Amino acid sequence: MPLCATPARVEDMRAEYARNDAWWDQLVNRMTTELQKQLAQIESLKADKSQSAPERAANARTLDSLQRTMERLMRAEQARAAARERKVQSSDGEARNTLVRRLDKLFASGAAPEISGGDQ
């Protein structure tokens, strides 16, 4: 078994991540749309002043549930955004570190080309 992923496996992993990311985006959109529908429904009922106490209590429970769902959805989105940011930062850092190691190796071997135009 190789110690690192093969190029084909890396592409498979990227495609899988993209599918999962697209799935999450669709889920967030569907949940947001559903929350908006339910909220609009409750707002239209609110205009009706002849609601009984049980109906008002049911609406209050629905609003509470909608609020919790929206909070969870927002936390999940924030976590996804933070994970994407960390991934970008770590890949930038890794690329930079790799370049530094390669340049150090090149200069240490004495095979570095002479650069003209610098301080003399």
PDB file of N, CA and C in Angstrom:
ATOM      1  N   MET A   1       0.842  -1.173   0.000  1.00  0.00           N
ATOM      2  CA  MET A   1       0.000   0.000   0.000  1.00  0.00           C
ATOM      3  C   MET A   1       0.889   1.239   0.000  1.00  0.00           C
ATOM      4  N   PRO A   2       0.646   2.189  -0.905  1.00  0.00           N
ATOM      5  CA  PRO A   2       1.488   3.387  -0.952  1.00  0.00           C
ATOM      6  C   PRO A   2       1.254   4.268   0.271  1.00  0.00           C
ATOM      7  N   LEU A   3       2.311   4.997   0.642  1.00  0.00           N
ATOM      8  CA  LEU A   3       2.212   5.883   1.796  1.00  0.00           C
ATOM      9  C   LEU A   3       1.388   7.126   1.496  1.00  0.00           C
ATOM     10  N   CYS A   4       1.317   7.501   0.241  1.00  0.00           N
ATOM     11  CA  CYS A   4       0.520   8.675  -0.114  1.00  0.00           C
ATOM     12  C   CYS A   4      -0.490   8.274  -1.185  1.00  0.00           C
ATOM     13  N   ALA A   5      -1.490   9.114  -1.358  1.00  0.00           N
ATOM     14  CA  ALA A   5      -2.529   8.828  -2.338  1.00  0.00           C
ATOM     15  C   ALA A   5      -1.969   8.945  -3.754  1.00  0.00           C
ATOM     16  N   THR A   6      -2.429   8.063  -4.601  1.00  0.00           N
ATOM     17  CA  THR A   6      -2.034   8.133  -6.006  1.00  0.00           C
ATOM     18  C   THR A   6      -2.760   9.311  -6.660  1.00  0.00           C
ATOM     19  N   PRO A   7      -2.255   9.801  -7.778  1.00  0.00           N
ATOM     20  CA  PRO A   7      -2.942  10.918  -8.445  1.00  0.00           C
ATOM     21  C   PRO A   7      -4.402  10.603  -8.775  1.00  0.00           C
ATOM     22  N   ALA A   8      -4.675   9.364  -9.168  1.00  0.00           N
ATOM     23  CA  ALA A   8      -6.055   8.994  -9.483  1.00  0.00           C
ATOM     24  C   ALA A   8      -6.927   9.068  -8.234  1.00  0.00           C
ATOM     25  N   ARG A   9      -6.381   8.593  -7.106  1.00  0.00           N
ATOM     26  CA  ARG A   9      -7.142   8.636  -5.848  1.00  0.00           C
ATOM     27  C   ARG A   9      -7.371  10.076  -5.397  1.00  0.00           C
ATOM     28  N   VAL A  10      -6.383  10.922  -5.600  1.00  0.00           N
ATOM     29  CA  VAL A  10      -6.539  12.334  -5.238  1.00  0.00           C
ATOM     30  C   VAL A  10      -7.682  12.947  -6.043  1.00  0.00           C
ATOM     31  N   GLU A  11      -7.743  12.640  -7.337  1.00  0.00           N
ATOM     32  CA  GLU A  11      -8.830  13.165  -8.173  1.00  0.00           C
ATOM     33  C   GLU A  11     -10.175  12.627  -7.706  1.00  0.00           C
ATOM     34  N   ASP A  12     -10.224  11.338  -7.339  1.00  0.00           N
ATOM     35  CA  ASP A  12     -11.464  10.763  -6.814  1.00  0.00           C
ATOM     36  C   ASP A  12     -11.892  11.478  -5.537  1.00  0.00           C
ATOM     37  N   MET A  13     -10.922  11.753  -4.662  1.00  0.00           N
ATOM     38  CA  MET A  13     -11.224  12.430  -3.402  1.00  0.00           C
ATOM     39  C   MET A  13     -11.735  13.843  -3.664  1.00  0.00           C
ATOM     40  N   ARG A  14     -11.125  14.535  -4.615  1.00  0.00           N
ATOM     41  CA  ARG A  14     -11.579  15.890  -4.953  1.00  0.00           C
ATOM     42  C   ARG A  14     -13.004  15.869  -5.503  1.00  0.00           C
ATOM     43  N   ALA A  15     -13.277  14.899  -6.376  1.00  0.00           N
ATOM     44  CA  ALA A  15     -14.617  14.795  -6.952  1.00  0.00           C
ATOM     45  C   ALA A  15     -15.648  14.482  -5.867  1.00  0.00           C
ATOM     46  N   GLU A  16     -15.285  13.594  -4.947  1.00  0.00           N
ATOM     47  CA  GLU A  16     -16.192  13.245  -3.851  1.00  0.00           C
ATOM     48  C   GLU A  16     -16.454  14.460  -2.967  1.00  0.00           C
ATOM     49  N   TYR A  17     -15.405  15.203  -2.671  1.00  0.00           N
ATOM     50  CA  TYR A  17     -15.567  16.409  -1.854  1.00  0.00           C
ATOM     51  C   TYR A  17     -16.474  17.416  -2.559  1.00  0.00           C
ATOM     52  N   ALA A  18     -16.292  17.574  -3.858  1.00  0.00           N
ATOM     53  CA  ALA A  18     -17.123  18.512  -4.622  1.00  0.00           C
ATOM     54  C   ALA A  18     -18.580  18.072  -4.607  1.00  0.00           C
ATOM     55  N   ARG A  19     -18.811  16.746  -4.737  1.00  0.00           N
ATOM     56  CA  ARG A  19     -20.186  16.243  -4.676  1.00  0.00           C
ATOM     57  C   ARG A  19     -20.787  16.518  -3.309  1.00  0.00           C
ATOM     58  N   ASN A  20     -20.026  16.236  -2.239  1.00  0.00           N
ATOM     59  CA  ASN A  20     -20.526  16.484  -0.892  1.00  0.00           C
ATOM     60  C   ASN A  20     -20.789  17.967  -0.680  1.00  0.00           C
ATOM     61  N   ASP A  21     -19.908  18.801  -1.176  1.00  0.00           N
ATOM     62  CA  ASP A  21     -20.068  20.242  -1.030  1.00  0.00           C
ATOM     63  C   ASP A  21     -21.323  20.703  -1.765  1.00  0.00           C
ATOM     64  N   ALA A  22     -21.537  20.189  -2.966  1.00  0.00           N
ATOM     65  CA  ALA A  22     -22.736  20.541  -3.731  1.00  0.00           C
ATOM     66  C   ALA A  22     -23.987  20.040  -3.015  1.00  0.00           C
ATOM     67  N   TRP A  23     -23.906  18.843  -2.432  1.00  0.00           N
ATOM     68  CA  TRP A  23     -25.043  18.290  -1.696  1.00  0.00           C
ATOM     69  C   TRP A  23     -25.389  19.190  -0.514  1.00  0.00           C
ATOM     70  N   TRP A  24     -24.357  19.629   0.226  1.00  0.00           N
ATOM     71  CA  TRP A  24     -24.595  20.525   1.364  1.00  0.00           C
ATOM     72  C   TRP A  24     -25.217  21.829   0.894  1.00  0.00           C
ATOM     73  N   ASP A  25     -24.735  22.373  -0.211  1.00  0.00           N
ATOM     74  CA  ASP A  25     -25.298  23.619  -0.735  1.00  0.00           C
ATOM     75  C   ASP A  25     -26.776  23.446  -1.069  1.00  0.00           C
ATOM     76  N   GLN A  26     -27.110  22.324  -1.700  1.00  0.00           N
ATOM     77  CA  GLN A  26     -28.507  22.052  -2.031  1.00  0.00           C
ATOM     78  C   GLN A  26     -29.346  21.907  -0.767  1.00  0.00           C
ATOM     79  N   LEU A  27     -28.806  21.212   0.225  1.00  0.00           N
ATOM     80  CA  LEU A  27     -29.530  21.027   1.484  1.00  0.00           C
ATOM     81  C   LEU A  27     -29.796  22.367   2.155  1.00  0.00           C
ATOM     82  N   VAL A  28     -28.796  23.209   2.217  1.00  0.00           N
ATOM     83  CA  VAL A  28     -28.957  24.530   2.838  1.00  0.00           C
ATOM     84  C   VAL A  28     -30.018  25.332   2.089  1.00  0.00           C
ATOM     85  N   ASN A  29     -29.974  25.300   0.772  1.00  0.00           N
ATOM     86  CA  ASN A  29     -30.969  26.032  -0.019  1.00  0.00           C
ATOM     87  C   ASN A  29     -32.375  25.495   0.219  1.00  0.00           C
ATOM     88  N   ARG A  30     -32.515  24.175   0.245  1.00  0.00           N
ATOM     89  CA  ARG A  30     -33.831  23.576   0.480  1.00  0.00           C
ATOM     90  C   ARG A  30     -34.353  23.921   1.865  1.00  0.00           C
ATOM     91  N   MET A  31     -33.482  23.838   2.869  1.00  0.00           N
ATOM     92  CA  MET A  31     -33.896  24.153   4.241  1.00  0.00           C
ATOM     93  C   MET A  31     -34.293  25.620   4.357  1.00  0.00           C
ATOM     94  N   THR A  32     -33.528  26.495   3.761  1.00  0.00           N
ATOM     95  CA  THR A  32     -33.837  27.925   3.821  1.00  0.00           C
ATOM     96  C   THR A  32     -35.173  28.211   3.150  1.00  0.00           C
ATOM     97  N   THR A  33     -35.408  27.597   2.003  1.00  0.00           N
ATOM     98  CA  THR A  33     -36.676  27.782   1.297  1.00  0.00           C
ATOM     99  C   THR A  33     -37.840  27.295   2.148  1.00  0.00           C
ATOM    100  N   GLU A  34     -37.681  26.121   2.756  1.00  0.00           N
ATOM    101  CA  GLU A  34     -38.742  25.569   3.600  1.00  0.00           C
ATOM    102  C   GLU A  34     -38.991  26.450   4.820  1.00  0.00           C
ATOM    103  N   LEU A  35     -37.932  26.949   5.427  1.00  0.00           N
ATOM    104  CA  LEU A  35     -38.093  27.844   6.574  1.00  0.00           C
ATOM    105  C   LEU A  35     -38.843  29.111   6.167  1.00  0.00           C
ATOM    106  N   GLN A  36     -38.518  29.646   5.011  1.00  0.00           N
ATOM    107  CA  GLN A  36     -39.207  30.850   4.541  1.00  0.00           C
ATOM    108  C   GLN A  36     -40.691  30.578   4.307  1.00  0.00           C
ATOM    109  N   LYS A  37     -41.014  29.408   3.744  1.00  0.00           N
ATOM    110  CA  LYS A  37     -42.418  29.046   3.515  1.00  0.00           C
ATOM    111  C   LYS A  37     -43.173  28.961   4.833  1.00  0.00           C
ATOM    112  N   GLN A  38     -42.585  28.259   5.803  1.00  0.00           N
ATOM    113  CA  GLN A  38     -43.261  28.093   7.083  1.00  0.00           C
ATOM    114  C   GLN A  38     -43.419  29.425   7.808  1.00  0.00           C
ATOM    115  N   LEU A  39     -42.407  30.257   7.731  1.00  0.00           N
ATOM    116  CA  LEU A  39     -42.484  31.568   8.364  1.00  0.00           C
ATOM    117  C   LEU A  39     -43.578  32.420   7.713  1.00  0.00           C
ATOM    118  N   ALA A  40     -43.667  32.383   6.399  1.00  0.00           N
ATOM    119  CA  ALA A  40     -44.713  33.128   5.691  1.00  0.00           C
ATOM    120  C   ALA A  40     -46.094  32.610   6.079  1.00  0.00           C
ATOM    121  N   GLN A  41     -46.200  31.296   6.249  1.00  0.00           N
ATOM    122  CA  GLN A  41     -47.464  30.695   6.651  1.00  0.00           C
ATOM    123  C   GLN A  41     -47.889  31.210   8.030  1.00  0.00           C
ATOM    124  N   ILE A  42     -46.959  31.235   8.953  1.00  0.00           N
ATOM    125  CA  ILE A  42     -47.265  31.702  10.308  1.00  0.00           C
ATOM    126  C   ILE A  42     -47.579  33.195  10.300  1.00  0.00           C
ATOM    127  N   GLU A  43     -46.848  33.949   9.492  1.00  0.00           N
ATOM    128  CA  GLU A  43     -47.121  35.386   9.410  1.00  0.00           C
ATOM    129  C   GLU A  43     -48.523  35.652   8.875  1.00  0.00           C
ATOM    130  N   SER A  44     -48.967  34.847   7.924  1.00  0.00           N
ATOM    131  CA  SER A  44     -50.320  35.041   7.390  1.00  0.00           C
ATOM    132  C   SER A  44     -51.366  34.664   8.434  1.00  0.00           C
ATOM    133  N   LEU A  45     -51.074  33.655   9.256  1.00  0.00           N
ATOM    134  CA  LEU A  45     -51.994  33.283  10.332  1.00  0.00           C
ATOM    135  C   LEU A  45     -52.030  34.354  11.417  1.00  0.00           C
ATOM    136  N   LYS A  46     -50.887  35.005  11.616  1.00  0.00           N
ATOM    137  CA  LYS A  46     -50.783  36.029  12.644  1.00  0.00           C
ATOM    138  C   LYS A  46     -51.722  37.198  12.354  1.00  0.00           C
ATOM    139  N   ALA A  47     -51.945  37.460  11.099  1.00  0.00           N
ATOM    140  CA  ALA A  47     -52.830  38.552  10.715  1.00  0.00           C
ATOM    141  C   ALA A  47     -54.277  38.251  11.103  1.00  0.00           C
ATOM    142  N   ASP A  48     -54.587  36.970  11.203  1.00  0.00           N
ATOM    143  CA  ASP A  48     -55.932  36.548  11.599  1.00  0.00           C
ATOM    144  C   ASP A  48     -56.042  36.657  13.120  1.00  0.00           C
ATOM    145  N   LYS A  49     -56.840  37.594  13.593  1.00  0.00           N
ATOM    146  CA  LYS A  49     -56.934  37.871  15.035  1.00  0.00           C
ATOM    147  C   LYS A  49     -57.795  36.848  15.777  1.00  0.00           C
ATOM    148  N   SER A  50     -58.504  36.008  15.071  1.00  0.00           N
ATOM    149  CA  SER A  50     -59.443  35.094  15.729  1.00  0.00           C
ATOM    150  C   SER A  50     -58.826  33.731  16.047  1.00  0.00           C
ATOM    151  N   GLN A  51     -57.542  33.690  16.331  1.00  0.00           N
ATOM    152  CA  GLN A  51     -56.900  32.418  16.659  1.00  0.00           C
ATOM    153  C   GLN A  51     -57.195  32.044  18.105  1.00  0.00           C
ATOM    154  N   SER A  52     -57.347  30.757  18.310  1.00  0.00           N
ATOM    155  CA  SER A  52     -57.570  30.271  19.674  1.00  0.00           C
ATOM    156  C   SER A  52     -56.226  30.134  20.388  1.00  0.00           C
ATOM    157  N   ALA A  53     -56.279  29.945  21.679  1.00  0.00           N
ATOM    158  CA  ALA A  53     -55.055  29.796  22.477  1.00  0.00           C
ATOM    159  C   ALA A  53     -54.229  28.597  22.010  1.00  0.00           C
ATOM    160  N   PRO A  54     -54.838  27.427  21.744  1.00  0.00           N
ATOM    161  CA  PRO A  54     -54.021  26.296  21.258  1.00  0.00           C
ATOM    162  C   PRO A  54     -53.339  26.575  19.912  1.00  0.00           C
ATOM    163  N   GLU A  55     -54.021  27.311  19.041  1.00  0.00           N
ATOM    164  CA  GLU A  55     -53.412  27.650  17.754  1.00  0.00           C
ATOM    165  C   GLU A  55     -52.218  28.577  17.945  1.00  0.00           C
ATOM    166  N   ARG A  56     -52.369  29.552  18.832  1.00  0.00           N
ATOM    167  CA  ARG A  56     -51.258  30.464  19.111  1.00  0.00           C
ATOM    168  C   ARG A  56     -50.084  29.710  19.737  1.00  0.00           C
ATOM    169  N   ALA A  57     -50.382  28.759  20.623  1.00  0.00           N
ATOM    170  CA  ALA A  57     -49.322  27.960  21.249  1.00  0.00           C
ATOM    171  C   ALA A  57     -48.610  27.107  20.202  1.00  0.00           C
ATOM    172  N   ALA A  58     -49.379  26.537  19.280  1.00  0.00           N
ATOM    173  CA  ALA A  58     -48.778  25.724  18.214  1.00  0.00           C
ATOM    174  C   ALA A  58     -47.883  26.592  17.334  1.00  0.00           C
ATOM    175  N   ASN A  59     -48.330  27.792  17.035  1.00  0.00           N
ATOM    176  CA  ASN A  59     -47.513  28.707  16.232  1.00  0.00           C
ATOM    177  C   ASN A  59     -46.235  29.087  16.969  1.00  0.00           C
ATOM    178  N   ALA A  60     -46.337  29.300  18.266  1.00  0.00           N
ATOM    179  CA  ALA A  60     -45.151  29.637  19.060  1.00  0.00           C
ATOM    180  C   ALA A  60     -44.152  28.480  19.034  1.00  0.00           C
ATOM    181  N   ARG A  61     -44.660  27.247  19.147  1.00  0.00           N
ATOM    182  CA  ARG A  61     -43.764  26.077  19.087  1.00  0.00           C
ATOM    183  C   ARG A  61     -43.110  25.971  17.715  1.00  0.00           C
ATOM    184  N   THR A  62     -43.882  26.221  16.672  1.00  0.00           N
ATOM    185  CA  THR A  62     -43.336  26.170  15.315  1.00  0.00           C
ATOM    186  C   THR A  62     -42.254  27.224  15.131  1.00  0.00           C
ATOM    187  N   LEU A  63     -42.518  28.433  15.615  1.00  0.00           N
ATOM    188  CA  LEU A  63     -41.510  29.492  15.514  1.00  0.00           C
ATOM    189  C   LEU A  63     -40.247  29.133  16.283  1.00  0.00           C
ATOM    190  N   ASP A  64     -40.403  28.529  17.454  1.00  0.00           N
ATOM    191  CA  ASP A  64     -39.245  28.109  18.241  1.00  0.00           C
ATOM    192  C   ASP A  64     -38.442  27.053  17.488  1.00  0.00           C
ATOM    193  N   SER A  65     -39.144  26.110  16.894  1.00  0.00           N
ATOM    194  CA  SER A  65     -38.476  25.065  16.116  1.00  0.00           C
ATOM    195  C   SER A  65     -37.755  25.663  14.907  1.00  0.00           C
ATOM    196  N   LEU A  66     -38.406  26.605  14.238  1.00  0.00           N
ATOM    197  CA  LEU A  66     -37.780  27.267  13.092  1.00  0.00           C
ATOM    198  C   LEU A  66     -36.518  28.016  13.516  1.00  0.00           C
ATOM    199  N   GLN A  67     -36.584  28.664  14.662  1.00  0.00           N
ATOM    200  CA  GLN A  67     -35.418  29.402  15.152  1.00  0.00           C
ATOM    201  C   GLN A  67     -34.251  28.451  15.423  1.00  0.00           C
ATOM    202  N   ARG A  68     -34.520  27.324  16.092  1.00  0.00           N
ATOM    203  CA  ARG A  68     -33.449  26.359  16.385  1.00  0.00           C
ATOM    204  C   ARG A  68     -32.870  25.780  15.101  1.00  0.00           C
ATOM    205  N   THR A  69     -33.744  25.466  14.154  1.00  0.00           N
ATOM    206  CA  THR A  69     -33.276  24.916  12.882  1.00  0.00           C
ATOM    207  C   THR A  69     -32.388  25.918  12.157  1.00  0.00           C
ATOM    208  N   MET A  70     -32.804  27.169  12.144  1.00  0.00           N
ATOM    209  CA  MET A  70     -32.015  28.200  11.469  1.00  0.00           C
ATOM    210  C   MET A  70     -30.665  28.382  12.161  1.00  0.00           C
ATOM    211  N   GLU A  71     -30.639  28.343  13.486  1.00  0.00           N
ATOM    212  CA  GLU A  71     -29.368  28.463  14.210  1.00  0.00           C
ATOM    213  C   GLU A  71     -28.427  27.316  13.860  1.00  0.00           C
ATOM    214  N   ARG A  72     -28.970  26.100  13.813  1.00  0.00           N
ATOM    215  CA  ARG A  72     -28.144  24.932  13.456  1.00  0.00           C
ATOM    216  C   ARG A  72     -27.610  25.066  12.040  1.00  0.00           C
ATOM    217  N   LEU A  73     -28.467  25.508  11.160  1.00  0.00           N
ATOM    218  CA  LEU A  73     -28.075  25.683   9.764  1.00  0.00           C
ATOM    219  C   LEU A  73     -26.961  26.722   9.648  1.00  0.00           C
ATOM    220  N   MET A  74     -27.090  27.809  10.371  1.00  0.00           N
ATOM    221  CA  MET A  74     -26.064  28.854  10.340  1.00  0.00           C
ATOM    222  C   MET A  74     -24.750  28.352  10.930  1.00  0.00           C
ATOM    223  N   ARG A  75     -24.817  27.581  12.019  1.00  0.00           N
ATOM    224  CA  ARG A  75     -23.583  27.036  12.607  1.00  0.00           C
ATOM    225  C   ARG A  75     -22.904  26.081  11.641  1.00  0.00           C
ATOM    226  N   ALA A  76     -23.698  25.243  10.968  1.00  0.00           N
ATOM    227  CA  ALA A  76     -23.127  24.301   9.998  1.00  0.00           C
ATOM    228  C   ALA A  76     -22.460  25.059   8.852  1.00  0.00           C
ATOM    229  N   GLU A  77     -23.094  26.107   8.372  1.00  0.00           N
ATOM    230  CA  GLU A  77     -22.515  26.911   7.290  1.00  0.00           C
ATOM    231  C   GLU A  77     -21.231  27.596   7.740  1.00  0.00           C
ATOM    232  N   GLN A  78     -21.217  28.116   8.966  1.00  0.00           N
ATOM    233  CA  GLN A  78     -20.012  28.766   9.482  1.00  0.00           C
ATOM    234  C   GLN A  78     -18.876  27.759   9.615  1.00  0.00           C
ATOM    235  N   ALA A  79     -19.199  26.549  10.065  1.00  0.00           N
ATOM    236  CA  ALA A  79     -18.175  25.508  10.196  1.00  0.00           C
ATOM    237  C   ALA A  79     -17.624  25.124   8.823  1.00  0.00           C
ATOM    238  N   ARG A  80     -18.500  25.017   7.829  1.00  0.00           N
ATOM    239  CA  ARG A  80     -18.040  24.688   6.480  1.00  0.00           C
ATOM    240  C   ARG A  80     -17.147  25.789   5.928  1.00  0.00           C
ATOM    241  N   ALA A  81     -17.532  27.038   6.150  1.00  0.00           N
ATOM    242  CA  ALA A  81     -16.721  28.160   5.661  1.00  0.00           C
ATOM    243  C   ALA A  81     -15.360  28.173   6.343  1.00  0.00           C
ATOM    244  N   ALA A  82     -15.345  27.910   7.645  1.00  0.00           N
ATOM    245  CA  ALA A  82     -14.072  27.877   8.375  1.00  0.00           C
ATOM    246  C   ALA A  82     -13.194  26.733   7.878  1.00  0.00           C
ATOM    247  N   ALA A  83     -13.798  25.579   7.602  1.00  0.00           N
ATOM    248  CA  ALA A  83     -13.031  24.433   7.101  1.00  0.00           C
ATOM    249  C   ALA A  83     -12.438  24.742   5.728  1.00  0.00           C
ATOM    250  N   ARG A  84     -13.227  25.385   4.870  1.00  0.00           N
ATOM    251  CA  ARG A  84     -12.703  25.758   3.551  1.00  0.00           C
ATOM    252  C   ARG A  84     -11.544  26.737   3.693  1.00  0.00           C
ATOM    253  N   GLU A  85     -11.666  27.691   4.602  1.00  0.00           N
ATOM    254  CA  GLU A  85     -10.609  28.682   4.817  1.00  0.00           C
ATOM    255  C   GLU A  85      -9.339  28.007   5.328  1.00  0.00           C
ATOM    256  N   ARG A  86      -9.495  27.085   6.286  1.00  0.00           N
ATOM    257  CA  ARG A  86      -8.323  26.362   6.806  1.00  0.00           C
ATOM    258  C   ARG A  86      -7.661  25.557   5.701  1.00  0.00           C
ATOM    259  N   LYS A  87      -8.475  24.933   4.853  1.00  0.00           N
ATOM    260  CA  LYS A  87      -7.929  24.116   3.770  1.00  0.00           C
ATOM    261  C   LYS A  87      -7.113  24.979   2.816  1.00  0.00           C
ATOM    262  N   VAL A  88      -7.625  26.146   2.470  1.00  0.00           N
ATOM    263  CA  VAL A  88      -6.908  27.048   1.565  1.00  0.00           C
ATOM    264  C   VAL A  88      -5.623  27.525   2.218  1.00  0.00           C
ATOM    265  N   GLN A  89      -5.694  27.921   3.484  1.00  0.00           N
ATOM    266  CA  GLN A  89      -4.504  28.405   4.178  1.00  0.00           C
ATOM    267  C   GLN A  89      -3.454  27.311   4.296  1.00  0.00           C
ATOM    268  N   SER A  90      -3.888  26.088   4.636  1.00  0.00           N
ATOM    269  CA  SER A  90      -2.904  25.016   4.804  1.00  0.00           C
ATOM    270  C   SER A  90      -2.266  24.643   3.475  1.00  0.00           C
ATOM    271  N   SER A  91      -3.045  24.642   2.393  1.00  0.00           N
ATOM    272  CA  SER A  91      -2.445  24.284   1.102  1.00  0.00           C
ATOM    273  C   SER A  91      -1.482  25.374   0.642  1.00  0.00           C
ATOM    274  N   ASP A  92      -1.795  26.638   0.928  1.00  0.00           N
ATOM    275  CA  ASP A  92      -0.865  27.720   0.594  1.00  0.00           C
ATOM    276  C   ASP A  92       0.419  27.577   1.399  1.00  0.00           C
ATOM    277  N   GLY A  93       0.277  27.293   2.676  1.00  0.00           N
ATOM    278  CA  GLY A  93       1.444  27.129   3.542  1.00  0.00           C
ATOM    279  C   GLY A  93       2.297  25.951   3.117  1.00  0.00           C
ATOM    280  N   GLU A  94       1.637  24.857   2.744  1.00  0.00           N
ATOM    281  CA  GLU A  94       2.373  23.671   2.306  1.00  0.00           C
ATOM    282  C   GLU A  94       3.145  23.968   1.025  1.00  0.00           C
ATOM    283  N   ALA A  95       2.509  24.645   0.097  1.00  0.00           N
ATOM    284  CA  ALA A  95       3.178  24.976  -1.168  1.00  0.00           C
ATOM    285  C   ALA A  95       4.382  25.877  -0.912  1.00  0.00           C
ATOM    286  N   ARG A  96       4.204  26.841  -0.033  1.00  0.00           N
ATOM    287  CA  ARG A  96       5.301  27.758   0.297  1.00  0.00           C
ATOM    288  C   ARG A  96       6.454  26.991   0.952  1.00  0.00           C
ATOM    289  N   ASN A  97       6.124  26.126   1.909  1.00  0.00           N
ATOM    290  CA  ASN A  97       7.165  25.341   2.586  1.00  0.00           C
ATOM    291  C   ASN A  97       7.898  24.421   1.617  1.00  0.00           C
ATOM    292  N   THR A  98       7.175  23.822   0.692  1.00  0.00           N
ATOM    293  CA  THR A  98       7.798  22.958  -0.307  1.00  0.00           C
ATOM    294  C   THR A  98       8.761  23.757  -1.173  1.00  0.00           C
ATOM    295  N   LEU A  99       8.350  24.935  -1.591  1.00  0.00           N
ATOM    296  CA  LEU A  99       9.215  25.787  -2.405  1.00  0.00           C
ATOM    297  C   LEU A  99      10.472  26.184  -1.636  1.00  0.00           C
ATOM    298  N   VAL A 100      10.318  26.549  -0.375  1.00  0.00           N
ATOM    299  CA  VAL A 100      11.476  26.924   0.448  1.00  0.00           C
ATOM    300  C   VAL A 100      12.444  25.752   0.565  1.00  0.00           C
ATOM    301  N   ARG A 101      11.915  24.550   0.810  1.00  0.00           N
ATOM    302  CA  ARG A 101      12.786  23.364   0.923  1.00  0.00           C
ATOM    303  C   ARG A 101      13.526  23.107  -0.384  1.00  0.00           C
ATOM    304  N   ARG A 102      12.832  23.236  -1.512  1.00  0.00           N
ATOM    305  CA  ARG A 102      13.473  22.999  -2.804  1.00  0.00           C
ATOM    306  C   ARG A 102      14.557  24.032  -3.078  1.00  0.00           C
ATOM    307  N   LEU A 103      14.267  25.286  -2.758  1.00  0.00           N
ATOM    308  CA  LEU A 103      15.277  26.331  -2.968  1.00  0.00           C
ATOM    309  C   LEU A 103      16.477  26.129  -2.046  1.00  0.00           C
ATOM    310  N   ASP A 104      16.223  25.780  -0.789  1.00  0.00           N
ATOM    311  CA  ASP A 104      17.323  25.515   0.144  1.00  0.00           C
ATOM    312  C   ASP A 104      18.199  24.375  -0.360  1.00  0.00           C
ATOM    313  N   LYS A 105      17.553  23.333  -0.854  1.00  0.00           N
ATOM    314  CA  LYS A 105      18.285  22.176  -1.373  1.00  0.00           C
ATOM    315  C   LYS A 105      19.121  22.584  -2.590  1.00  0.00           C
ATOM    316  N   LEU A 106      18.531  23.386  -3.459  1.00  0.00           N
ATOM    317  CA  LEU A 106      19.218  23.839  -4.661  1.00  0.00           C
ATOM    318  C   LEU A 106      20.430  24.697  -4.304  1.00  0.00           C
ATOM    319  N   PHE A 107      20.261  25.625  -3.387  1.00  0.00           N
ATOM    320  CA  PHE A 107      21.373  26.493  -2.987  1.00  0.00           C
ATOM    321  C   PHE A 107      22.442  25.717  -2.226  1.00  0.00           C
ATOM    322  N   ALA A 108      22.029  24.754  -1.421  1.00  0.00           N
ATOM    323  CA  ALA A 108      22.989  23.961  -0.648  1.00  0.00           C
ATOM    324  C   ALA A 108      23.845  23.089  -1.559  1.00  0.00           C
ATOM    325  N   SER A 109      23.273  22.643  -2.662  1.00  0.00           N
ATOM    326  CA  SER A 109      24.029  21.777  -3.567  1.00  0.00           C
ATOM    327  C   SER A 109      25.008  22.570  -4.424  1.00  0.00           C
ATOM    328  N   GLY A 110      24.880  23.875  -4.426  1.00  0.00           N
ATOM    329  CA  GLY A 110      25.769  24.701  -5.238  1.00  0.00           C
ATOM    330  C   GLY A 110      25.360  24.736  -6.690  1.00  0.00           C
ATOM    331  N   ALA A 111      24.224  24.163  -7.017  1.00  0.00           N
ATOM    332  CA  ALA A 111      23.770  24.117  -8.399  1.00  0.00           C
ATOM    333  C   ALA A 111      22.888  25.305  -8.749  1.00  0.00           C
ATOM    334  N   ALA A 112      22.752  26.232  -7.827  1.00  0.00           N
ATOM    335  CA  ALA A 112      21.904  27.395  -8.091  1.00  0.00           C
ATOM    336  C   ALA A 112      22.568  28.282  -9.127  1.00  0.00           C
ATOM    337  N   PRO A 113      21.808  28.795 -10.072  1.00  0.00           N
ATOM    338  CA  PRO A 113      22.392  29.680 -11.084  1.00  0.00           C
ATOM    339  C   PRO A 113      22.790  31.012 -10.458  1.00  0.00           C
ATOM    340  N   GLU A 114      23.779  31.628 -11.070  1.00  0.00           N
ATOM    341  CA  GLU A 114      24.228  32.955 -10.620  1.00  0.00           C
ATOM    342  C   GLU A 114      23.185  33.969 -11.066  1.00  0.00           C
ATOM    343  N   ILE A 115      22.763  34.803 -10.166  1.00  0.00           N
ATOM    344  CA  ILE A 115      21.744  35.798 -10.482  1.00  0.00           C
ATOM    345  C   ILE A 115      22.421  37.144 -10.627  1.00  0.00           C
ATOM    346  N   SER A 116      22.255  37.759 -11.795  1.00  0.00           N
ATOM    347  CA  SER A 116      22.880  39.067 -12.017  1.00  0.00           C
ATOM    348  C   SER A 116      21.872  40.165 -11.706  1.00  0.00           C
ATOM    349  N   GLY A 117      22.404  41.356 -11.482  1.00  0.00           N
ATOM    350  CA  GLY A 117      21.534  42.493 -11.250  1.00  0.00           C
ATOM    351  C   GLY A 117      21.269  42.753  -9.790  1.00  0.00           C
ATOM    352  N   GLY A 118      21.832  41.976  -8.912  1.00  0.00           N
ATOM    353  CA  GLY A 118      21.632  42.186  -7.481  1.00  0.00           C
ATOM    354  C   GLY A 118      22.670  43.126  -6.928  1.00  0.00           C
ATOM    355  N   ASP A 119      22.759  43.222  -5.630  1.00  0.00           N
ATOM    356  CA  ASP A 119      23.793  44.041  -4.982  1.00  0.00           C
ATOM    357  C   ASP A 119      25.160  43.469  -5.307  1.00  0.00           C
ATOM    358  N   GLN A 120      26.088  44.335  -5.631  1.00  0.00           N
ATOM    359  CA  GLN A 120      27.404  43.830  -6.018  1.00  0.00           C
ATOM    360  C   GLN A 120      28.488  44.345  -5.134  1.00  0.00           C
TER     361      GLN A 120
END
